[in-house]
């Protein structure tokens, strides 16, 4: 009997995981088998997720206002504060309505194109902004509340998708799996700003700069119809870049290599529709297998 042949072991450079966001995202994609199948599921399912967003936002803030420790952040911008909280804080309080706008924009962003590096840069920036960096008025939310809120959002979306009366089960499964992977990558991109792993590389990490909320590289990418000047000064958007040291190369000089890999299976899931499924066309996307994070495979 022929001996079992092991697959080649991929090399992952530990330094890259803590100093190079693109390499970290590639590693997460590879480990989670985040592939073109997931991209297709997210693209074809985006309209269903977007329809759920208003209800999800209200459910999330109703939950956050059930506990004084999570409600504190809306009054004090910190969950470590031990003093009293306004007992009259409600879902219709001005600061809550303001935060709902950005949660709607954030969830809408999750329905955009994950084949673009900008998508993952913004998810990383969301993590950065919750540890008191990159904002005019620092926000400090302890990680325990971040993790449980992401899980709550995933639970609400999963139930809503699986209960959809018109989606076929194969589409439900594909969409739930793809969305779950994105949420867990977001969870990691929160955790990287909280945990102390890789502290020996701290001097090589990016130096965040202040930008208004909803901006990335000086460009507004979360859109709404409200007046955002309540918290952030939009004039600070011009010419700033919170990821100026990204990948230890000049800003904007990200080579057009794949962030996604093709699924190994040939029978990939497809939208049961006569029209073809759109596929990502950004410069960062290609149909080939991504290169190893560092070194050889």
C-alpha atoms as a PDB file:
ATOM      1  CA  UNK A   1       0.000   0.000   0.000  1.00  0.00           C
ATOM      2  CA  UNK A   2       1.441   3.324  -1.051  1.00  0.00           C
ATOM      3  CA  UNK A   3       2.298   5.669   1.824  1.00  0.00           C
ATOM      4  CA  UNK A   4      -0.020   8.631   2.370  1.00  0.00           C
ATOM      5  CA  UNK A   5       1.364  11.725   0.685  1.00  0.00           C
ATOM      6  CA  UNK A   6       1.105  14.859   2.780  1.00  0.00           C
ATOM      7  CA  UNK A   7       0.291  18.184   1.208  1.00  0.00           C
ATOM      8  CA  UNK A   8       3.132  20.702   1.226  1.00  0.00           C
ATOM      9  CA  UNK A   9       3.129  22.739   4.425  1.00  0.00           C
ATOM     10  CA  UNK A  10       2.702  26.467   3.839  1.00  0.00           C
ATOM     11  CA  UNK A  11       5.129  28.807   5.532  1.00  0.00           C
ATOM     12  CA  UNK A  12       3.563  31.715   7.453  1.00  0.00           C
ATOM     13  CA  UNK A  13       5.928  34.445   8.554  1.00  0.00           C
ATOM     14  CA  UNK A  14       4.999  35.460  12.088  1.00  0.00           C
ATOM     15  CA  UNK A  15       6.388  38.962  11.710  1.00  0.00           C
ATOM     16  CA  UNK A  16       4.181  39.532   8.667  1.00  0.00           C
ATOM     17  CA  UNK A  17       1.074  38.588  10.648  1.00  0.00           C
ATOM     18  CA  UNK A  18       1.683  41.516  12.996  1.00  0.00           C
ATOM     19  CA  UNK A  19       3.150  44.093  10.617  1.00  0.00           C
ATOM     20  CA  UNK A  20       1.520  43.454   7.224  1.00  0.00           C
ATOM     21  CA  UNK A  21      -2.277  43.611   7.045  1.00  0.00           C
ATOM     22  CA  UNK A  22      -2.442  42.141   3.549  1.00  0.00           C
ATOM     23  CA  UNK A  23      -0.465  39.077   4.610  1.00  0.00           C
ATOM     24  CA  UNK A  24      -2.630  38.633   7.681  1.00  0.00           C
ATOM     25  CA  UNK A  25      -5.801  38.778   5.570  1.00  0.00           C
ATOM     26  CA  UNK A  26      -4.358  36.266   3.091  1.00  0.00           C
ATOM     27  CA  UNK A  27      -3.567  33.886   5.941  1.00  0.00           C
ATOM     28  CA  UNK A  28      -7.092  34.208   7.374  1.00  0.00           C
ATOM     29  CA  UNK A  29      -8.613  33.625   3.932  1.00  0.00           C
ATOM     30  CA  UNK A  30      -6.482  30.550   3.397  1.00  0.00           C
ATOM     31  CA  UNK A  31      -7.178  29.063   6.836  1.00  0.00           C
ATOM     32  CA  UNK A  32     -10.943  29.649   6.572  1.00  0.00           C
ATOM     33  CA  UNK A  33     -11.117  28.541   2.917  1.00  0.00           C
ATOM     34  CA  UNK A  34     -12.595  31.912   2.023  1.00  0.00           C
ATOM     35  CA  UNK A  35     -12.869  31.544  -1.725  1.00  0.00           C
ATOM     36  CA  UNK A  36     -14.656  32.703  -4.876  1.00  0.00           C
ATOM     37  CA  UNK A  37     -17.583  30.530  -3.789  1.00  0.00           C
ATOM     38  CA  UNK A  38     -18.003  32.770  -0.737  1.00  0.00           C
ATOM     39  CA  UNK A  39     -17.667  35.917  -2.849  1.00  0.00           C
ATOM     40  CA  UNK A  40     -20.424  34.718  -5.168  1.00  0.00           C
ATOM     41  CA  UNK A  41     -22.686  33.876  -2.243  1.00  0.00           C
ATOM     42  CA  UNK A  42     -22.166  37.326  -0.716  1.00  0.00           C
ATOM     43  CA  UNK A  43     -22.755  39.141  -4.012  1.00  0.00           C
ATOM     44  CA  UNK A  44     -25.944  37.286  -4.870  1.00  0.00           C
ATOM     45  CA  UNK A  45     -27.193  37.424  -1.282  1.00  0.00           C
ATOM     46  CA  UNK A  46     -26.364  41.081  -0.625  1.00  0.00           C
ATOM     47  CA  UNK A  47     -29.890  42.296  -1.393  1.00  0.00           C
ATOM     48  CA  UNK A  48     -31.325  39.963   1.254  1.00  0.00           C
ATOM     49  CA  UNK A  49     -28.834  41.112   3.895  1.00  0.00           C
ATOM     50  CA  UNK A  50     -29.422  44.782   3.086  1.00  0.00           C
ATOM     51  CA  UNK A  51     -33.159  44.290   3.559  1.00  0.00           C
ATOM     52  CA  UNK A  52     -32.465  43.016   7.095  1.00  0.00           C
ATOM     53  CA  UNK A  53     -30.157  45.850   8.147  1.00  0.00           C
ATOM     54  CA  UNK A  54     -32.709  48.338   9.591  1.00  0.00           C
ATOM     55  CA  UNK A  55     -34.221  45.664  11.816  1.00  0.00           C
ATOM     56  CA  UNK A  56     -30.808  44.294  12.831  1.00  0.00           C
ATOM     57  CA  UNK A  57     -29.607  47.764  13.853  1.00  0.00           C
ATOM     58  CA  UNK A  58     -32.621  48.299  16.113  1.00  0.00           C
ATOM     59  CA  UNK A  59     -32.223  44.844  17.674  1.00  0.00           C
ATOM     60  CA  UNK A  60     -28.519  45.434  18.372  1.00  0.00           C
ATOM     61  CA  UNK A  61     -29.031  48.781  20.089  1.00  0.00           C
ATOM     62  CA  UNK A  62     -31.950  47.456  22.090  1.00  0.00           C
ATOM     63  CA  UNK A  63     -29.543  44.781  23.367  1.00  0.00           C
ATOM     64  CA  UNK A  64     -26.697  47.234  24.077  1.00  0.00           C
ATOM     65  CA  UNK A  65     -29.021  49.435  26.144  1.00  0.00           C
ATOM     66  CA  UNK A  66     -30.039  46.502  28.352  1.00  0.00           C
ATOM     67  CA  UNK A  67     -26.715  46.677  30.228  1.00  0.00           C
ATOM     68  CA  UNK A  68     -25.213  49.654  32.013  1.00  0.00           C
ATOM     69  CA  UNK A  69     -21.667  48.633  31.085  1.00  0.00           C
ATOM     70  CA  UNK A  70     -22.363  48.731  27.339  1.00  0.00           C
ATOM     71  CA  UNK A  71     -24.599  51.801  27.596  1.00  0.00           C
ATOM     72  CA  UNK A  72     -21.726  53.701  29.242  1.00  0.00           C
ATOM     73  CA  UNK A  73     -19.893  54.041  25.951  1.00  0.00           C
ATOM     74  CA  UNK A  74     -22.677  56.212  24.556  1.00  0.00           C
ATOM     75  CA  UNK A  75     -22.386  58.684  27.444  1.00  0.00           C
ATOM     76  CA  UNK A  76     -18.676  58.514  28.284  1.00  0.00           C
ATOM     77  CA  UNK A  77     -17.046  56.957  25.169  1.00  0.00           C
ATOM     78  CA  UNK A  78     -15.605  54.270  27.446  1.00  0.00           C
ATOM     79  CA  UNK A  79     -16.837  50.971  28.896  1.00  0.00           C
ATOM     80  CA  UNK A  80     -14.267  51.090  31.705  1.00  0.00           C
ATOM     81  CA  UNK A  81     -16.065  54.040  33.323  1.00  0.00           C
ATOM     82  CA  UNK A  82     -17.518  53.077  36.713  1.00  0.00           C
ATOM     83  CA  UNK A  83     -19.741  56.100  37.370  1.00  0.00           C
ATOM     84  CA  UNK A  84     -23.471  56.589  36.787  1.00  0.00           C
ATOM     85  CA  UNK A  85     -25.120  56.482  33.370  1.00  0.00           C
ATOM     86  CA  UNK A  86     -28.035  58.638  32.266  1.00  0.00           C
ATOM     87  CA  UNK A  87     -31.086  56.551  33.240  1.00  0.00           C
ATOM     88  CA  UNK A  88     -33.099  58.253  30.500  1.00  0.00           C
ATOM     89  CA  UNK A  89     -30.893  56.985  27.670  1.00  0.00           C
ATOM     90  CA  UNK A  90     -33.208  55.427  25.069  1.00  0.00           C
ATOM     91  CA  UNK A  91     -33.075  54.112  21.524  1.00  0.00           C
ATOM     92  CA  UNK A  92     -34.242  57.551  20.381  1.00  0.00           C
ATOM     93  CA  UNK A  93     -31.581  59.539  22.240  1.00  0.00           C
ATOM     94  CA  UNK A  94     -29.565  61.722  19.828  1.00  0.00           C
ATOM     95  CA  UNK A  95     -26.300  59.850  20.372  1.00  0.00           C
ATOM     96  CA  UNK A  96     -28.029  56.490  19.843  1.00  0.00           C
ATOM     97  CA  UNK A  97     -29.674  57.663  16.625  1.00  0.00           C
ATOM     98  CA  UNK A  98     -26.256  58.901  15.492  1.00  0.00           C
ATOM     99  CA  UNK A  99     -24.606  55.546  16.253  1.00  0.00           C
ATOM    100  CA  UNK A 100     -27.392  53.678  14.456  1.00  0.00           C
ATOM    101  CA  UNK A 101     -26.530  55.580  11.278  1.00  0.00           C
ATOM    102  CA  UNK A 102     -22.967  54.296  11.356  1.00  0.00           C
ATOM    103  CA  UNK A 103     -23.965  50.723  12.219  1.00  0.00           C
ATOM    104  CA  UNK A 104     -26.271  50.746   9.187  1.00  0.00           C
ATOM    105  CA  UNK A 105     -23.396  52.018   7.062  1.00  0.00           C
ATOM    106  CA  UNK A 106     -21.036  49.414   8.498  1.00  0.00           C
ATOM    107  CA  UNK A 107     -23.419  46.514   7.841  1.00  0.00           C
ATOM    108  CA  UNK A 108     -23.985  47.825   4.316  1.00  0.00           C
ATOM    109  CA  UNK A 109     -20.215  47.859   3.838  1.00  0.00           C
ATOM    110  CA  UNK A 110     -20.165  44.140   4.722  1.00  0.00           C
ATOM    111  CA  UNK A 111     -22.301  43.624   1.617  1.00  0.00           C
ATOM    112  CA  UNK A 112     -19.723  45.243  -0.690  1.00  0.00           C
ATOM    113  CA  UNK A 113     -16.846  43.612  -2.586  1.00  0.00           C
ATOM    114  CA  UNK A 114     -14.528  41.600  -0.269  1.00  0.00           C
ATOM    115  CA  UNK A 115     -12.059  41.015  -3.112  1.00  0.00           C
ATOM    116  CA  UNK A 116     -10.820  44.591  -2.706  1.00  0.00           C
ATOM    117  CA  UNK A 117      -8.126  45.294  -0.138  1.00  0.00           C
ATOM    118  CA  UNK A 118     -10.030  48.444   0.824  1.00  0.00           C
ATOM    119  CA  UNK A 119     -12.785  46.221   2.249  1.00  0.00           C
ATOM    120  CA  UNK A 120     -10.388  44.589   4.738  1.00  0.00           C
ATOM    121  CA  UNK A 121      -8.545  47.841   5.460  1.00  0.00           C
ATOM    122  CA  UNK A 122     -11.801  49.376   6.579  1.00  0.00           C
ATOM    123  CA  UNK A 123     -12.647  46.392   8.802  1.00  0.00           C
ATOM    124  CA  UNK A 124      -9.202  46.761  10.375  1.00  0.00           C
ATOM    125  CA  UNK A 125      -9.782  50.476  10.862  1.00  0.00           C
ATOM    126  CA  UNK A 126     -13.067  49.736  12.658  1.00  0.00           C
ATOM    127  CA  UNK A 127     -11.041  47.678  15.137  1.00  0.00           C
ATOM    128  CA  UNK A 128      -8.487  50.460  15.557  1.00  0.00           C
ATOM    129  CA  UNK A 129     -11.137  53.083  16.263  1.00  0.00           C
ATOM    130  CA  UNK A 130     -12.530  51.150  19.244  1.00  0.00           C
ATOM    131  CA  UNK A 131      -9.229  51.179  21.152  1.00  0.00           C
ATOM    132  CA  UNK A 132      -8.948  54.951  21.303  1.00  0.00           C
ATOM    133  CA  UNK A 133      -6.899  55.528  18.144  1.00  0.00           C
ATOM    134  CA  UNK A 134      -7.622  57.350  14.907  1.00  0.00           C
ATOM    135  CA  UNK A 135     -10.396  59.591  16.250  1.00  0.00           C
ATOM    136  CA  UNK A 136     -10.617  63.202  17.373  1.00  0.00           C
ATOM    137  CA  UNK A 137     -12.608  62.049  20.402  1.00  0.00           C
ATOM    138  CA  UNK A 138     -11.169  58.662  21.462  1.00  0.00           C
ATOM    139  CA  UNK A 139     -13.531  55.755  21.936  1.00  0.00           C
ATOM    140  CA  UNK A 140     -12.568  52.935  24.321  1.00  0.00           C
ATOM    141  CA  UNK A 141     -14.709  49.791  24.169  1.00  0.00           C
ATOM    142  CA  UNK A 142     -13.329  46.747  25.956  1.00  0.00           C
ATOM    143  CA  UNK A 143     -12.963  43.636  23.847  1.00  0.00           C
ATOM    144  CA  UNK A 144     -15.414  41.463  25.790  1.00  0.00           C
ATOM    145  CA  UNK A 145     -18.256  43.694  24.560  1.00  0.00           C
ATOM    146  CA  UNK A 146     -16.944  43.755  20.986  1.00  0.00           C
ATOM    147  CA  UNK A 147     -16.787  39.973  20.731  1.00  0.00           C
ATOM    148  CA  UNK A 148     -20.224  39.341  22.184  1.00  0.00           C
ATOM    149  CA  UNK A 149     -21.811  42.031  19.978  1.00  0.00           C
ATOM    150  CA  UNK A 150     -20.338  40.474  16.831  1.00  0.00           C
ATOM    151  CA  UNK A 151     -21.682  37.094  17.920  1.00  0.00           C
ATOM    152  CA  UNK A 152     -25.108  38.632  18.554  1.00  0.00           C
ATOM    153  CA  UNK A 153     -25.139  40.206  15.081  1.00  0.00           C
ATOM    154  CA  UNK A 154     -24.127  36.893  13.517  1.00  0.00           C
ATOM    155  CA  UNK A 155     -26.874  35.066  15.419  1.00  0.00           C
ATOM    156  CA  UNK A 156     -29.577  37.523  14.301  1.00  0.00           C
ATOM    157  CA  UNK A 157     -28.470  37.418  10.658  1.00  0.00           C
ATOM    158  CA  UNK A 158     -28.155  33.634  10.623  1.00  0.00           C
ATOM    159  CA  UNK A 159     -31.687  33.134  11.943  1.00  0.00           C
ATOM    160  CA  UNK A 160     -33.123  35.661   9.498  1.00  0.00           C
ATOM    161  CA  UNK A 161     -31.373  34.102   6.490  1.00  0.00           C
ATOM    162  CA  UNK A 162     -32.287  30.531   7.404  1.00  0.00           C
ATOM    163  CA  UNK A 163     -35.907  31.603   7.954  1.00  0.00           C
ATOM    164  CA  UNK A 164     -36.205  33.353   4.595  1.00  0.00           C
ATOM    165  CA  UNK A 165     -39.316  32.004   2.824  1.00  0.00           C
ATOM    166  CA  UNK A 166     -38.024  32.269  -0.755  1.00  0.00           C
ATOM    167  CA  UNK A 167     -34.344  31.342  -0.592  1.00  0.00           C
ATOM    168  CA  UNK A 168     -33.443  27.751  -1.382  1.00  0.00           C
ATOM    169  CA  UNK A 169     -31.546  25.862   1.283  1.00  0.00           C
ATOM    170  CA  UNK A 170     -28.296  25.604  -0.697  1.00  0.00           C
ATOM    171  CA  UNK A 171     -28.267  29.383  -1.091  1.00  0.00           C
ATOM    172  CA  UNK A 172     -29.038  29.895   2.596  1.00  0.00           C
ATOM    173  CA  UNK A 173     -26.164  27.623   3.602  1.00  0.00           C
ATOM    174  CA  UNK A 174     -23.726  29.311   1.216  1.00  0.00           C
ATOM    175  CA  UNK A 175     -24.694  32.798   2.404  1.00  0.00           C
ATOM    176  CA  UNK A 176     -24.544  31.911   6.108  1.00  0.00           C
ATOM    177  CA  UNK A 177     -21.108  30.317   5.686  1.00  0.00           C
ATOM    178  CA  UNK A 178     -19.695  33.250   3.726  1.00  0.00           C
ATOM    179  CA  UNK A 179     -21.087  35.871   6.084  1.00  0.00           C
ATOM    180  CA  UNK A 180     -19.843  33.942   9.114  1.00  0.00           C
ATOM    181  CA  UNK A 181     -16.308  33.920   7.711  1.00  0.00           C
ATOM    182  CA  UNK A 182     -16.393  37.677   7.144  1.00  0.00           C
ATOM    183  CA  UNK A 183     -17.643  38.289  10.691  1.00  0.00           C
ATOM    184  CA  UNK A 184     -14.938  36.058  12.173  1.00  0.00           C
ATOM    185  CA  UNK A 185     -12.257  37.837  10.154  1.00  0.00           C
ATOM    186  CA  UNK A 186     -13.679  41.091  11.492  1.00  0.00           C
ATOM    187  CA  UNK A 187     -13.433  39.596  14.969  1.00  0.00           C
ATOM    188  CA  UNK A 188      -9.734  38.915  14.394  1.00  0.00           C
ATOM    189  CA  UNK A 189      -9.207  42.443  13.088  1.00  0.00           C
ATOM    190  CA  UNK A 190     -10.693  43.707  16.340  1.00  0.00           C
ATOM    191  CA  UNK A 191      -8.634  41.318  18.448  1.00  0.00           C
ATOM    192  CA  UNK A 192      -5.338  42.345  16.803  1.00  0.00           C
ATOM    193  CA  UNK A 193      -5.763  45.810  18.331  1.00  0.00           C
ATOM    194  CA  UNK A 194      -6.523  44.432  21.801  1.00  0.00           C
ATOM    195  CA  UNK A 195      -4.293  41.405  22.393  1.00  0.00           C
ATOM    196  CA  UNK A 196      -0.600  41.707  23.175  1.00  0.00           C
ATOM    197  CA  UNK A 197       0.586  38.948  20.865  1.00  0.00           C
ATOM    198  CA  UNK A 198       3.396  40.204  18.657  1.00  0.00           C
ATOM    199  CA  UNK A 199       4.269  43.157  20.901  1.00  0.00           C
ATOM    200  CA  UNK A 200       7.923  42.671  20.004  1.00  0.00           C
ATOM    201  CA  UNK A 201       7.046  43.997  16.529  1.00  0.00           C
ATOM    202  CA  UNK A 202       5.245  47.082  17.865  1.00  0.00           C
ATOM    203  CA  UNK A 203       7.750  49.521  16.365  1.00  0.00           C
ATOM    204  CA  UNK A 204       7.135  48.096  12.881  1.00  0.00           C
ATOM    205  CA  UNK A 205       3.363  48.435  12.982  1.00  0.00           C
ATOM    206  CA  UNK A 206       1.398  51.161  11.270  1.00  0.00           C
ATOM    207  CA  UNK A 207       1.029  54.519  12.955  1.00  0.00           C
ATOM    208  CA  UNK A 208      -2.658  55.480  12.891  1.00  0.00           C
ATOM    209  CA  UNK A 209      -3.687  58.988  11.934  1.00  0.00           C
ATOM    210  CA  UNK A 210      -6.934  60.682  12.809  1.00  0.00           C
ATOM    211  CA  UNK A 211      -9.744  60.503  10.266  1.00  0.00           C
ATOM    212  CA  UNK A 212     -13.470  61.139  10.564  1.00  0.00           C
ATOM    213  CA  UNK A 213     -15.598  58.057  11.070  1.00  0.00           C
ATOM    214  CA  UNK A 214     -16.693  56.478   7.792  1.00  0.00           C
ATOM    215  CA  UNK A 215     -13.535  57.586   5.944  1.00  0.00           C
ATOM    216  CA  UNK A 216     -10.609  55.538   4.634  1.00  0.00           C
ATOM    217  CA  UNK A 217      -7.507  57.124   3.074  1.00  0.00           C
ATOM    218  CA  UNK A 218      -9.290  60.492   3.088  1.00  0.00           C
ATOM    219  CA  UNK A 219     -12.244  59.130   1.091  1.00  0.00           C
ATOM    220  CA  UNK A 220     -15.754  58.797   2.483  1.00  0.00           C
ATOM    221  CA  UNK A 221     -16.825  55.168   2.118  1.00  0.00           C
ATOM    222  CA  UNK A 222     -19.720  54.981   4.578  1.00  0.00           C
ATOM    223  CA  UNK A 223     -22.532  57.154   3.237  1.00  0.00           C
ATOM    224  CA  UNK A 224     -25.628  58.457   4.973  1.00  0.00           C
ATOM    225  CA  UNK A 225     -27.884  61.482   4.831  1.00  0.00           C
ATOM    226  CA  UNK A 226     -27.189  62.812   8.312  1.00  0.00           C
ATOM    227  CA  UNK A 227     -24.978  65.591   9.592  1.00  0.00           C
ATOM    228  CA  UNK A 228     -21.825  63.794  10.742  1.00  0.00           C
ATOM    229  CA  UNK A 229     -20.225  66.905  12.252  1.00  0.00           C
ATOM    230  CA  UNK A 230     -21.634  66.039  15.674  1.00  0.00           C
ATOM    231  CA  UNK A 231     -18.661  63.868  16.515  1.00  0.00           C
ATOM    232  CA  UNK A 232     -16.063  64.064  13.748  1.00  0.00           C
ATOM    233  CA  UNK A 233     -14.567  67.056  11.946  1.00  0.00           C
ATOM    234  CA  UNK A 234     -14.893  66.252   8.247  1.00  0.00           C
ATOM    235  CA  UNK A 235     -12.207  68.764   7.363  1.00  0.00           C
ATOM    236  CA  UNK A 236      -9.652  66.332   8.773  1.00  0.00           C
ATOM    237  CA  UNK A 237     -10.383  63.862   5.997  1.00  0.00           C
ATOM    238  CA  UNK A 238      -8.223  65.501   3.348  1.00  0.00           C
ATOM    239  CA  UNK A 239      -4.803  63.952   2.924  1.00  0.00           C
ATOM    240  CA  UNK A 240      -4.874  61.601   5.894  1.00  0.00           C
ATOM    241  CA  UNK A 241      -4.175  57.887   5.830  1.00  0.00           C
ATOM    242  CA  UNK A 242      -4.465  55.629   8.895  1.00  0.00           C
ATOM    243  CA  UNK A 243      -2.561  52.899   7.044  1.00  0.00           C
ATOM    244  CA  UNK A 244       0.418  54.858   5.751  1.00  0.00           C
ATOM    245  CA  UNK A 245       2.841  52.083   6.808  1.00  0.00           C
ATOM    246  CA  UNK A 246       0.651  49.261   5.482  1.00  0.00           C
ATOM    247  CA  UNK A 247       2.737  46.359   4.167  1.00  0.00           C
ATOM    248  CA  UNK A 248       5.922  48.409   4.657  1.00  0.00           C
ATOM    249  CA  UNK A 249       5.538  50.079   1.266  1.00  0.00           C
ATOM    250  CA  UNK A 250       4.401  53.527   0.103  1.00  0.00           C
ATOM    251  CA  UNK A 251       0.668  54.213   0.433  1.00  0.00           C
ATOM    252  CA  UNK A 252      -1.339  53.041  -2.550  1.00  0.00           C
ATOM    253  CA  UNK A 253       1.441  50.801  -3.858  1.00  0.00           C
ATOM    254  CA  UNK A 254      -0.339  47.505  -3.235  1.00  0.00           C
ATOM    255  CA  UNK A 255       0.430  45.093  -6.061  1.00  0.00           C
ATOM    256  CA  UNK A 256      -2.528  43.560  -7.886  1.00  0.00           C
ATOM    257  CA  UNK A 257      -2.352  40.077  -6.435  1.00  0.00           C
ATOM    258  CA  UNK A 258      -5.181  37.835  -5.359  1.00  0.00           C
ATOM    259  CA  UNK A 259      -6.684  38.044  -1.902  1.00  0.00           C
ATOM    260  CA  UNK A 260      -8.846  35.032  -2.610  1.00  0.00           C
ATOM    261  CA  UNK A 261      -8.300  31.489  -3.699  1.00  0.00           C
ATOM    262  CA  UNK A 262     -10.423  29.347  -5.934  1.00  0.00           C
ATOM    263  CA  UNK A 263     -12.245  26.504  -4.215  1.00  0.00           C
ATOM    264  CA  UNK A 264     -10.657  23.177  -4.978  1.00  0.00           C
ATOM    265  CA  UNK A 265     -14.025  21.580  -5.695  1.00  0.00           C
ATOM    266  CA  UNK A 266     -15.325  21.768  -9.234  1.00  0.00           C
ATOM    267  CA  UNK A 267     -19.013  21.754  -8.289  1.00  0.00           C
ATOM    268  CA  UNK A 268     -19.082  25.285  -6.876  1.00  0.00           C
ATOM    269  CA  UNK A 269     -22.366  26.782  -5.795  1.00  0.00           C
ATOM    270  CA  UNK A 270     -24.089  28.998  -8.339  1.00  0.00           C
ATOM    271  CA  UNK A 271     -27.091  31.325  -8.274  1.00  0.00           C
ATOM    272  CA  UNK A 272     -30.085  29.438  -9.737  1.00  0.00           C
ATOM    273  CA  UNK A 273     -30.828  32.183 -12.239  1.00  0.00           C
ATOM    274  CA  UNK A 274     -30.619  32.451 -16.038  1.00  0.00           C
ATOM    275  CA  UNK A 275     -28.428  35.544 -15.749  1.00  0.00           C
ATOM    276  CA  UNK A 276     -24.732  35.074 -14.967  1.00  0.00           C
ATOM    277  CA  UNK A 277     -23.454  35.828 -11.484  1.00  0.00           C
ATOM    278  CA  UNK A 278     -21.261  38.918 -11.301  1.00  0.00           C
ATOM    279  CA  UNK A 279     -17.716  38.209 -10.272  1.00  0.00           C
ATOM    280  CA  UNK A 280     -15.271  40.585  -8.589  1.00  0.00           C
ATOM    281  CA  UNK A 281     -13.311  42.637 -11.091  1.00  0.00           C
ATOM    282  CA  UNK A 282     -11.075  44.752  -8.873  1.00  0.00           C
ATOM    283  CA  UNK A 283      -7.307  44.924  -9.565  1.00  0.00           C
ATOM    284  CA  UNK A 284      -6.733  43.056  -6.298  1.00  0.00           C
ATOM    285  CA  UNK A 285      -8.719  40.056  -7.488  1.00  0.00           C
ATOM    286  CA  UNK A 286      -7.525  37.266  -9.765  1.00  0.00           C
ATOM    287  CA  UNK A 287      -8.751  33.763 -10.359  1.00  0.00           C
ATOM    288  CA  UNK A 288      -5.517  32.068  -9.384  1.00  0.00           C
ATOM    289  CA  UNK A 289      -4.335  30.647  -6.109  1.00  0.00           C
ATOM    290  CA  UNK A 290      -2.849  33.439  -3.927  1.00  0.00           C
ATOM    291  CA  UNK A 291       0.845  33.396  -3.346  1.00  0.00           C
ATOM    292  CA  UNK A 292       2.043  32.146   0.065  1.00  0.00           C
ATOM    293  CA  UNK A 293       2.036  34.765   2.787  1.00  0.00           C
ATOM    294  CA  UNK A 294       5.798  34.620   3.045  1.00  0.00           C
ATOM    295  CA  UNK A 295       8.504  32.391   1.696  1.00  0.00           C
ATOM    296  CA  UNK A 296       7.627  29.220  -0.178  1.00  0.00           C
ATOM    297  CA  UNK A 297       4.890  26.648   0.260  1.00  0.00           C
END
